[in-house]
Amino acid sequence: MQRRRLIIIFVGIFLLLILTVVLPYVIMYNSLHEKKENHTLIIRNQDNTSHEVTVKLFDS
């Protein structure tokens, strides 16, 4: 009985560790995949100089 309890505890801890490691990557992959499908364009200006950006969209 004691051995069975230790196995159940070990399996529970193992599954918890797997979820805490794997789940963030699954969430990140899904969020990146959604951004790609939504055709999101992000432009960040990292300096003090202003810039002009022109974007042409074509319906293919």
PDB file of N, CA and C in Angstrom:
ATOM      1  N   MET A   1       0.817  -1.183   0.000  1.00  0.00           N
ATOM      2  CA  MET A   1       0.000   0.000   0.000  1.00  0.00           C
ATOM      3  C   MET A   1       0.871   1.262   0.000  1.00  0.00           C
ATOM      4  N   GLN A   2       1.914   1.262   0.809  1.00  0.00           N
ATOM      5  CA  GLN A   2       2.826   2.403   0.893  1.00  0.00           C
ATOM      6  C   GLN A   2       3.534   2.625  -0.446  1.00  0.00           C
ATOM      7  N   ARG A   3       3.914   1.534  -1.120  1.00  0.00           N
ATOM      8  CA  ARG A   3       4.613   1.639  -2.403  1.00  0.00           C
ATOM      9  C   ARG A   3       3.696   2.232  -3.470  1.00  0.00           C
ATOM     10  N   ARG A   4       2.446   1.842  -3.453  1.00  0.00           N
ATOM     11  CA  ARG A   4       1.475   2.360  -4.421  1.00  0.00           C
ATOM     12  C   ARG A   4       1.273   3.870  -4.223  1.00  0.00           C
ATOM     13  N   ARG A   5       1.218   4.301  -2.995  1.00  0.00           N
ATOM     14  CA  ARG A   5       1.064   5.718  -2.694  1.00  0.00           C
ATOM     15  C   ARG A   5       2.270   6.516  -3.202  1.00  0.00           C
ATOM     16  N   LEU A   6       3.480   5.986  -3.016  1.00  0.00           N
ATOM     17  CA  LEU A   6       4.679   6.665  -3.509  1.00  0.00           C
ATOM     18  C   LEU A   6       4.674   6.763  -5.033  1.00  0.00           C
ATOM     19  N   ILE A   7       4.224   5.717  -5.709  1.00  0.00           N
ATOM     20  CA  ILE A   7       4.156   5.734  -7.176  1.00  0.00           C
ATOM     21  C   ILE A   7       3.153   6.790  -7.643  1.00  0.00           C
ATOM     22  N   ILE A   8       2.009   6.868  -6.998  1.00  0.00           N
ATOM     23  CA  ILE A   8       0.996   7.856  -7.371  1.00  0.00           C
ATOM     24  C   ILE A   8       1.530   9.277  -7.146  1.00  0.00           C
ATOM     25  N   ILE A   9       2.219   9.503  -6.033  1.00  0.00           N
ATOM     26  CA  ILE A   9       2.801  10.821  -5.754  1.00  0.00           C
ATOM     27  C   ILE A   9       3.864  11.157  -6.796  1.00  0.00           C
ATOM     28  N   PHE A  10       4.720  10.184  -7.129  1.00  0.00           N
ATOM     29  CA  PHE A  10       5.777  10.410  -8.116  1.00  0.00           C
ATOM     30  C   PHE A  10       5.178  10.738  -9.487  1.00  0.00           C
ATOM     31  N   VAL A  11       4.171   9.996  -9.908  1.00  0.00           N
ATOM     32  CA  VAL A  11       3.527  10.246 -11.198  1.00  0.00           C
ATOM     33  C   VAL A  11       2.855  11.622 -11.199  1.00  0.00           C
ATOM     34  N   GLY A  12       2.217  11.997 -10.108  1.00  0.00           N
ATOM     35  CA  GLY A  12       1.586  13.313 -10.017  1.00  0.00           C
ATOM     36  C   GLY A  12       2.595  14.444 -10.132  1.00  0.00           C
ATOM     37  N   ILE A  13       3.697  14.315  -9.426  1.00  0.00           N
ATOM     38  CA  ILE A  13       4.745  15.340  -9.496  1.00  0.00           C
ATOM     39  C   ILE A  13       5.338  15.390 -10.903  1.00  0.00           C
ATOM     40  N   PHE A  14       5.550  14.243 -11.505  1.00  0.00           N
ATOM     41  CA  PHE A  14       6.099  14.176 -12.861  1.00  0.00           C
ATOM     42  C   PHE A  14       5.161  14.867 -13.855  1.00  0.00           C
ATOM     43  N   LEU A  15       3.868  14.591 -13.768  1.00  0.00           N
ATOM     44  CA  LEU A  15       2.905  15.227 -14.671  1.00  0.00           C
ATOM     45  C   LEU A  15       2.843  16.735 -14.449  1.00  0.00           C
ATOM     46  N   LEU A  16       2.922  17.161 -13.207  1.00  0.00           N
ATOM     47  CA  LEU A  16       2.925  18.583 -12.898  1.00  0.00           C
ATOM     48  C   LEU A  16       4.149  19.272 -13.502  1.00  0.00           C
ATOM     49  N   LEU A  17       5.306  18.652 -13.394  1.00  0.00           N
ATOM     50  CA  LEU A  17       6.521  19.214 -13.988  1.00  0.00           C
ATOM     51  C   LEU A  17       6.413  19.278 -15.513  1.00  0.00           C
ATOM     52  N   ILE A  18       5.892  18.218 -16.109  1.00  0.00           N
ATOM     53  CA  ILE A  18       5.717  18.204 -17.571  1.00  0.00           C
ATOM     54  C   ILE A  18       4.803  19.352 -17.993  1.00  0.00           C
ATOM     55  N   LEU A  19       3.699  19.538 -17.283  1.00  0.00           N
ATOM     56  CA  LEU A  19       2.764  20.609 -17.638  1.00  0.00           C
ATOM     57  C   LEU A  19       3.388  21.998 -17.494  1.00  0.00           C
ATOM     58  N   THR A  20       4.178  22.196 -16.447  1.00  0.00           N
ATOM     59  CA  THR A  20       4.778  23.515 -16.240  1.00  0.00           C
ATOM     60  C   THR A  20       5.873  23.805 -17.258  1.00  0.00           C
ATOM     61  N   VAL A  21       6.456  22.780 -17.851  1.00  0.00           N
ATOM     62  CA  VAL A  21       7.497  22.988 -18.860  1.00  0.00           C
ATOM     63  C   VAL A  21       6.891  23.043 -20.258  1.00  0.00           C
ATOM     64  N   VAL A  22       5.959  22.167 -20.573  1.00  0.00           N
ATOM     65  CA  VAL A  22       5.435  22.044 -21.929  1.00  0.00           C
ATOM     66  C   VAL A  22       4.325  23.058 -22.206  1.00  0.00           C
ATOM     67  N   LEU A  23       3.463  23.317 -21.260  1.00  0.00           N
ATOM     68  CA  LEU A  23       2.310  24.182 -21.484  1.00  0.00           C
ATOM     69  C   LEU A  23       2.678  25.596 -21.946  1.00  0.00           C
ATOM     70  N   PRO A  24       3.683  26.255 -21.376  1.00  0.00           N
ATOM     71  CA  PRO A  24       4.037  27.599 -21.891  1.00  0.00           C
ATOM     72  C   PRO A  24       4.456  27.586 -23.359  1.00  0.00           C
ATOM     73  N   TYR A  25       5.160  26.543 -23.797  1.00  0.00           N
ATOM     74  CA  TYR A  25       5.557  26.463 -25.198  1.00  0.00           C
ATOM     75  C   TYR A  25       4.348  26.259 -26.102  1.00  0.00           C
ATOM     76  N   VAL A  26       3.379  25.481 -25.664  1.00  0.00           N
ATOM     77  CA  VAL A  26       2.161  25.274 -26.447  1.00  0.00           C
ATOM     78  C   VAL A  26       1.395  26.581 -26.567  1.00  0.00           C
ATOM     79  N   ILE A  27       1.280  27.315 -25.481  1.00  0.00           N
ATOM     80  CA  ILE A  27       0.575  28.599 -25.504  1.00  0.00           C
ATOM     81  C   ILE A  27       1.318  29.592 -26.398  1.00  0.00           C
ATOM     82  N   MET A  28       2.644  29.641 -26.300  1.00  0.00           N
ATOM     83  CA  MET A  28       3.427  30.559 -27.110  1.00  0.00           C
ATOM     84  C   MET A  28       3.290  30.216 -28.597  1.00  0.00           C
ATOM     85  N   TYR A  29       3.331  28.935 -28.944  1.00  0.00           N
ATOM     86  CA  TYR A  29       3.205  28.529 -30.340  1.00  0.00           C
ATOM     87  C   TYR A  29       1.843  28.935 -30.883  1.00  0.00           C
ATOM     88  N   ASN A  30       0.784  28.725 -30.113  1.00  0.00           N
ATOM     89  CA  ASN A  30      -0.554  29.082 -30.575  1.00  0.00           C
ATOM     90  C   ASN A  30      -0.697  30.587 -30.736  1.00  0.00           C
ATOM     91  N   SER A  31      -0.133  31.381 -29.844  1.00  0.00           N
ATOM     92  CA  SER A  31      -0.260  32.835 -29.963  1.00  0.00           C
ATOM     93  C   SER A  31       0.546  33.351 -31.143  1.00  0.00           C
ATOM     94  N   LEU A  32       1.723  32.783 -31.401  1.00  0.00           N
ATOM     95  CA  LEU A  32       2.501  33.189 -32.564  1.00  0.00           C
ATOM     96  C   LEU A  32       1.802  32.781 -33.852  1.00  0.00           C
ATOM     97  N   HIS A  33       1.186  31.620 -33.832  1.00  0.00           N
ATOM     98  CA  HIS A  33       0.472  31.136 -35.012  1.00  0.00           C
ATOM     99  C   HIS A  33      -0.708  32.048 -35.335  1.00  0.00           C
ATOM    100  N   GLU A  34      -1.416  32.510 -34.328  1.00  0.00           N
ATOM    101  CA  GLU A  34      -2.536  33.424 -34.542  1.00  0.00           C
ATOM    102  C   GLU A  34      -2.057  34.744 -35.125  1.00  0.00           C
ATOM    103  N   LYS A  35      -0.955  35.278 -34.646  1.00  0.00           N
ATOM    104  CA  LYS A  35      -0.437  36.535 -35.168  1.00  0.00           C
ATOM    105  C   LYS A  35      -0.079  36.405 -36.638  1.00  0.00           C
ATOM    106  N   LYS A  36       0.470  35.261 -37.010  1.00  0.00           N
ATOM    107  CA  LYS A  36       0.840  35.055 -38.402  1.00  0.00           C
ATOM    108  C   LYS A  36      -0.404  35.011 -39.282  1.00  0.00           C
ATOM    109  N   GLU A  37      -1.462  34.375 -38.833  1.00  0.00           N
ATOM    110  CA  GLU A  37      -2.695  34.294 -39.609  1.00  0.00           C
ATOM    111  C   GLU A  37      -3.389  35.644 -39.703  1.00  0.00           C
ATOM    112  N   ASN A  38      -3.251  36.484 -38.685  1.00  0.00           N
ATOM    113  CA  ASN A  38      -3.893  37.788 -38.686  1.00  0.00           C
ATOM    114  C   ASN A  38      -3.085  38.820 -39.461  1.00  0.00           C
ATOM    115  N   HIS A  39      -1.939  38.447 -39.965  1.00  0.00           N
ATOM    116  CA  HIS A  39      -1.072  39.337 -40.736  1.00  0.00           C
ATOM    117  C   HIS A  39      -0.743  40.596 -39.956  1.00  0.00           C
ATOM    118  N   THR A  40      -0.281  40.419 -38.755  1.00  0.00           N
ATOM    119  CA  THR A  40       0.058  41.530 -37.881  1.00  0.00           C
ATOM    120  C   THR A  40       1.445  42.058 -38.235  1.00  0.00           C
ATOM    121  N   LEU A  41       1.545  43.350 -38.390  1.00  0.00           N
ATOM    122  CA  LEU A  41       2.816  44.002 -38.658  1.00  0.00           C
ATOM    123  C   LEU A  41       3.142  44.909 -37.479  1.00  0.00           C
ATOM    124  N   ILE A  42       4.296  44.694 -36.890  1.00  0.00           N
ATOM    125  CA  ILE A  42       4.723  45.506 -35.752  1.00  0.00           C
ATOM    126  C   ILE A  42       6.031  46.193 -36.127  1.00  0.00           C
ATOM    127  N   ILE A  43       6.054  47.513 -35.986  1.00  0.00           N
ATOM    128  CA  ILE A  43       7.264  48.290 -36.265  1.00  0.00           C
ATOM    129  C   ILE A  43       7.607  49.066 -35.007  1.00  0.00           C
ATOM    130  N   ARG A  44       8.840  48.892 -34.552  1.00  0.00           N
ATOM    131  CA  ARG A  44       9.292  49.606 -33.356  1.00  0.00           C
ATOM    132  C   ARG A  44      10.451  50.521 -33.731  1.00  0.00           C
ATOM    133  N   ASN A  45      10.346  51.759 -33.338  1.00  0.00           N
ATOM    134  CA  ASN A  45      11.414  52.715 -33.565  1.00  0.00           C
ATOM    135  C   ASN A  45      12.316  52.706 -32.330  1.00  0.00           C
ATOM    136  N   GLN A  46      13.539  52.252 -32.488  1.00  0.00           N
ATOM    137  CA  GLN A  46      14.445  52.087 -31.362  1.00  0.00           C
ATOM    138  C   GLN A  46      15.408  53.265 -31.184  1.00  0.00           C
ATOM    139  N   ASP A  47      15.278  54.285 -32.032  1.00  0.00           N
ATOM    140  CA  ASP A  47      16.182  55.421 -31.896  1.00  0.00           C
ATOM    141  C   ASP A  47      15.372  56.719 -31.819  1.00  0.00           C
ATOM    142  N   ASN A  48      16.052  57.847 -31.812  1.00  0.00           N
ATOM    143  CA  ASN A  48      15.387  59.148 -31.690  1.00  0.00           C
ATOM    144  C   ASN A  48      15.034  59.760 -33.037  1.00  0.00           C
ATOM    145  N   THR A  49      15.415  59.116 -34.129  1.00  0.00           N
ATOM    146  CA  THR A  49      15.142  59.631 -35.462  1.00  0.00           C
ATOM    147  C   THR A  49      13.774  59.164 -35.920  1.00  0.00           C
ATOM    148  N   SER A  50      12.993  60.054 -36.496  1.00  0.00           N
ATOM    149  CA  SER A  50      11.685  59.653 -37.009  1.00  0.00           C
ATOM    150  C   SER A  50      11.869  59.022 -38.394  1.00  0.00           C
ATOM    151  N   HIS A  51      11.008  58.085 -38.707  1.00  0.00           N
ATOM    152  CA  HIS A  51      11.092  57.361 -39.967  1.00  0.00           C
ATOM    153  C   HIS A  51       9.708  57.331 -40.611  1.00  0.00           C
ATOM    154  N   GLU A  52       9.705  57.128 -41.913  1.00  0.00           N
ATOM    155  CA  GLU A  52       8.447  56.985 -42.631  1.00  0.00           C
ATOM    156  C   GLU A  52       8.386  55.577 -43.201  1.00  0.00           C
ATOM    157  N   VAL A  53       7.262  54.934 -43.006  1.00  0.00           N
ATOM    158  CA  VAL A  53       7.085  53.567 -43.487  1.00  0.00           C
ATOM    159  C   VAL A  53       5.870  53.539 -44.402  1.00  0.00           C
ATOM    160  N   THR A  54       6.030  52.924 -45.557  1.00  0.00           N
ATOM    161  CA  THR A  54       4.929  52.764 -46.504  1.00  0.00           C
ATOM    162  C   THR A  54       4.643  51.276 -46.653  1.00  0.00           C
ATOM    163  N   VAL A  55       3.395  50.936 -46.543  1.00  0.00           N
ATOM    164  CA  VAL A  55       2.987  49.532 -46.660  1.00  0.00           C
ATOM    165  C   VAL A  55       1.947  49.442 -47.761  1.00  0.00           C
ATOM    166  N   LYS A  56       2.175  48.552 -48.703  1.00  0.00           N
ATOM    167  CA  LYS A  56       1.200  48.311 -49.775  1.00  0.00           C
ATOM    168  C   LYS A  56       0.599  46.936 -49.564  1.00  0.00           C
ATOM    169  N   LEU A  57      -0.719  46.882 -49.556  1.00  0.00           N
ATOM    170  CA  LEU A  57      -1.407  45.615 -49.370  1.00  0.00           C
ATOM    171  C   LEU A  57      -2.031  45.197 -50.698  1.00  0.00           C
ATOM    172  N   PHE A  58      -1.819  43.948 -51.050  1.00  0.00           N
ATOM    173  CA  PHE A  58      -2.368  43.405 -52.276  1.00  0.00           C
ATOM    174  C   PHE A  58      -3.302  42.268 -51.929  1.00  0.00           C
ATOM    175  N   ASP A  59      -4.452  42.248 -52.538  1.00  0.00           N
ATOM    176  CA  ASP A  59      -5.413  41.161 -52.329  1.00  0.00           C
ATOM    177  C   ASP A  59      -5.095  40.067 -53.337  1.00  0.00           C
ATOM    178  N   SER A  60      -4.541  38.973 -52.858  1.00  0.00           N
ATOM    179  CA  SER A  60      -4.153  37.904 -53.776  1.00  0.00           C
ATOM    180  C   SER A  60      -5.204  36.827 -53.894  1.00  0.00           C
TER     181      SER A  60
END
